[in-house]
C-alpha atoms as a PDB file:
ATOM      1  CA  MET A   1       0.000   0.000   0.000  1.00  0.00           C
ATOM      2  CA  ASP A   2       1.396   3.410  -0.868  1.00  0.00           C
ATOM      3  CA  PHE A   3       1.260   6.442   1.410  1.00  0.00           C
ATOM      4  CA  ASP A   4      -1.628   7.963  -0.567  1.00  0.00           C
ATOM      5  CA  GLY A   5      -3.732   4.904   0.211  1.00  0.00           C
ATOM      6  CA  PHE A   6      -2.682   4.960   3.838  1.00  0.00           C
ATOM      7  CA  GLY A   7      -3.630   8.645   4.041  1.00  0.00           C
ATOM      8  CA  LEU A   8      -7.104   7.860   2.718  1.00  0.00           C
ATOM      9  CA  ILE A   9      -7.509   5.129   5.320  1.00  0.00           C
ATOM     10  CA  SER A  10      -6.305   7.425   8.119  1.00  0.00           C
ATOM     11  CA  VAL A  11      -8.937  10.044   7.254  1.00  0.00           C
ATOM     12  CA  SER A  12     -11.759   7.579   6.662  1.00  0.00           C
ATOM     13  CA  PHE A  13     -10.956   5.061   9.399  1.00  0.00           C
ATOM     14  CA  PRO A  14      -8.691   6.604  12.059  1.00  0.00           C
ATOM     15  CA  PHE A  15      -9.233   3.619  14.381  1.00  0.00           C
ATOM     16  CA  LEU A  16      -7.470   1.407  11.799  1.00  0.00           C
ATOM     17  CA  VAL A  17      -4.366   3.588  11.904  1.00  0.00           C
ATOM     18  CA  SER A  18      -4.387   3.465  15.682  1.00  0.00           C
ATOM     19  CA  ASP A  19      -4.673  -0.337  15.589  1.00  0.00           C
ATOM     20  CA  VAL A  20      -1.790  -0.672  13.097  1.00  0.00           C
ATOM     21  CA  LEU A  21       0.431   1.587  15.211  1.00  0.00           C
ATOM     22  CA  ARG A  22      -0.326  -0.330  18.422  1.00  0.00           C
ATOM     23  CA  ARG A  23       0.725  -3.547  16.648  1.00  0.00           C
ATOM     24  CA  HIS A  24       4.092  -2.026  15.650  1.00  0.00           C
ATOM     25  CA  VAL A  25       5.120  -0.117  18.776  1.00  0.00           C
ATOM     26  CA  VAL A  26       6.652  -2.265  21.496  1.00  0.00           C
ATOM     27  CA  ARG A  27       6.993  -1.599  25.199  1.00  0.00           C
ATOM     28  CA  GLY A  28      10.502  -0.780  26.379  1.00  0.00           C
ATOM     29  CA  THR A  29      13.675   0.170  24.541  1.00  0.00           C
ATOM     30  CA  TRP A  30      15.160  -2.564  22.372  1.00  0.00           C
ATOM     31  CA  PHE A  31      18.424  -1.981  20.514  1.00  0.00           C
ATOM     32  CA  ALA A  32      19.133  -4.459  17.701  1.00  0.00           C
ATOM     33  CA  SER A  33      22.375  -5.635  19.302  1.00  0.00           C
ATOM     34  CA  GLY A  34      20.385  -6.761  22.344  1.00  0.00           C
ATOM     35  CA  LEU A  35      17.791  -8.769  20.427  1.00  0.00           C
ATOM     36  CA  ILE A  36      18.185 -12.525  20.628  1.00  0.00           C
ATOM     37  CA  ASP A  37      16.573 -15.157  18.412  1.00  0.00           C
ATOM     38  CA  GLY A  38      13.372 -16.200  20.178  1.00  0.00           C
ATOM     39  CA  ASP A  39      12.806 -12.946  22.116  1.00  0.00           C
ATOM     40  CA  LEU A  40       9.169 -11.862  22.338  1.00  0.00           C
ATOM     41  CA  LEU A  41       8.601  -8.100  22.274  1.00  0.00           C
ATOM     42  CA  PRO A  42       5.327  -6.956  23.883  1.00  0.00           C
ATOM     43  CA  THR A  43       3.328  -4.525  21.732  1.00  0.00           C
ATOM     44  CA  PHE A  44       0.812  -1.911  22.806  1.00  0.00           C
ATOM     45  CA  SER A  45      -1.925  -4.094  21.280  1.00  0.00           C
ATOM     46  CA  ASN A  46      -1.191  -6.733  23.960  1.00  0.00           C
ATOM     47  CA  ARG A  47       0.397  -9.056  21.413  1.00  0.00           C
ATOM     48  CA  SER A  48       4.000 -10.099  20.992  1.00  0.00           C
ATOM     49  CA  LEU A  49       6.368  -9.790  18.051  1.00  0.00           C
ATOM     50  CA  GLY A  50       8.887 -12.612  17.835  1.00  0.00           C
ATOM     51  CA  VAL A  51      12.549 -11.982  17.017  1.00  0.00           C
ATOM     52  CA  SER A  52      14.200 -14.283  14.514  1.00  0.00           C
ATOM     53  CA  ASN A  53      17.632 -14.575  12.934  1.00  0.00           C
ATOM     54  CA  ASP A  54      16.427 -17.596  10.965  1.00  0.00           C
ATOM     55  CA  THR A  55      14.689 -15.893   8.043  1.00  0.00           C
ATOM     56  CA  PRO A  56      14.172 -17.566   4.647  1.00  0.00           C
ATOM     57  CA  ASN A  57      16.987 -15.590   3.010  1.00  0.00           C
ATOM     58  CA  GLY A  58      19.156 -15.596   6.127  1.00  0.00           C
ATOM     59  CA  GLN A  59      20.085 -11.971   5.505  1.00  0.00           C
ATOM     60  CA  CYS A  60      18.088 -10.051   8.090  1.00  0.00           C
ATOM     61  CA  LEU A  61      17.153  -9.714  11.697  1.00  0.00           C
ATOM     62  CA  ALA A  62      13.393 -10.148  11.687  1.00  0.00           C
ATOM     63  CA  VAL A  63      10.773  -8.927  14.124  1.00  0.00           C
ATOM     64  CA  GLY A  64       7.260 -10.190  13.557  1.00  0.00           C
ATOM     65  CA  ARG A  65       8.531 -11.964  10.400  1.00  0.00           C
ATOM     66  CA  VAL A  66       9.566  -8.701   8.692  1.00  0.00           C
ATOM     67  CA  CYS A  67      13.136  -7.495   8.230  1.00  0.00           C
ATOM     68  CA  ILE A  68      14.658  -4.592  10.101  1.00  0.00           C
ATOM     69  CA  VAL A  69      16.317  -2.570   7.326  1.00  0.00           C
ATOM     70  CA  VAL A  70      17.558   0.391   9.404  1.00  0.00           C
ATOM     71  CA  ARG A  71      18.535  -0.250  13.022  1.00  0.00           C
ATOM     72  CA  ASP A  72      18.876   1.760  16.190  1.00  0.00           C
ATOM     73  CA  ILE A  73      17.684   5.275  15.392  1.00  0.00           C
ATOM     74  CA  THR A  74      17.911   6.842  18.837  1.00  0.00           C
ATOM     75  CA  LEU A  75      14.981   9.054  19.850  1.00  0.00           C
ATOM     76  CA  THR A  76      14.366  11.056  23.013  1.00  0.00           C
ATOM     77  CA  ASN A  77      11.793   8.498  24.181  1.00  0.00           C
ATOM     78  CA  GLY A  78      13.300   5.258  22.891  1.00  0.00           C
ATOM     79  CA  VAL A  79      14.707   3.704  19.750  1.00  0.00           C
ATOM     80  CA  LEU A  80      13.264   3.298  16.247  1.00  0.00           C
ATOM     81  CA  HIS A  81      13.862   0.517  13.744  1.00  0.00           C
ATOM     82  CA  VAL A  82      12.662   0.718  10.137  1.00  0.00           C
ATOM     83  CA  ILE A  83      11.054  -2.445   8.786  1.00  0.00           C
ATOM     84  CA  ASP A  84      10.520  -3.462   5.169  1.00  0.00           C
ATOM     85  CA  GLN A  85       6.762  -4.095   5.416  1.00  0.00           C
ATOM     86  CA  LEU A  86       3.859  -4.015   7.859  1.00  0.00           C
ATOM     87  CA  ALA A  87       3.778  -6.698  10.522  1.00  0.00           C
ATOM     88  CA  ILE A  88       0.022  -7.242  10.401  1.00  0.00           C
ATOM     89  CA  ASN A  89      -0.231 -10.841  11.661  1.00  0.00           C
END
């Protein structure tokens, strides 16, 4: 989905955006170097995202079965990782 489509959804269905964000934001501060295969990261939607180093291509650290493509962007209230797709499951 492109950003234009996401923008339309956010205006028409703001609760969907809130739900997607709660599924992607985890509690606590987790730097990539501290993530271990099998860790479970608690989200604000009361679910967990599993950490895996055993991805099909073996080339990425995965959280919720999606690859972290940019790691450890330090923010004033935590750390941000950029993923290559939405972790909807």
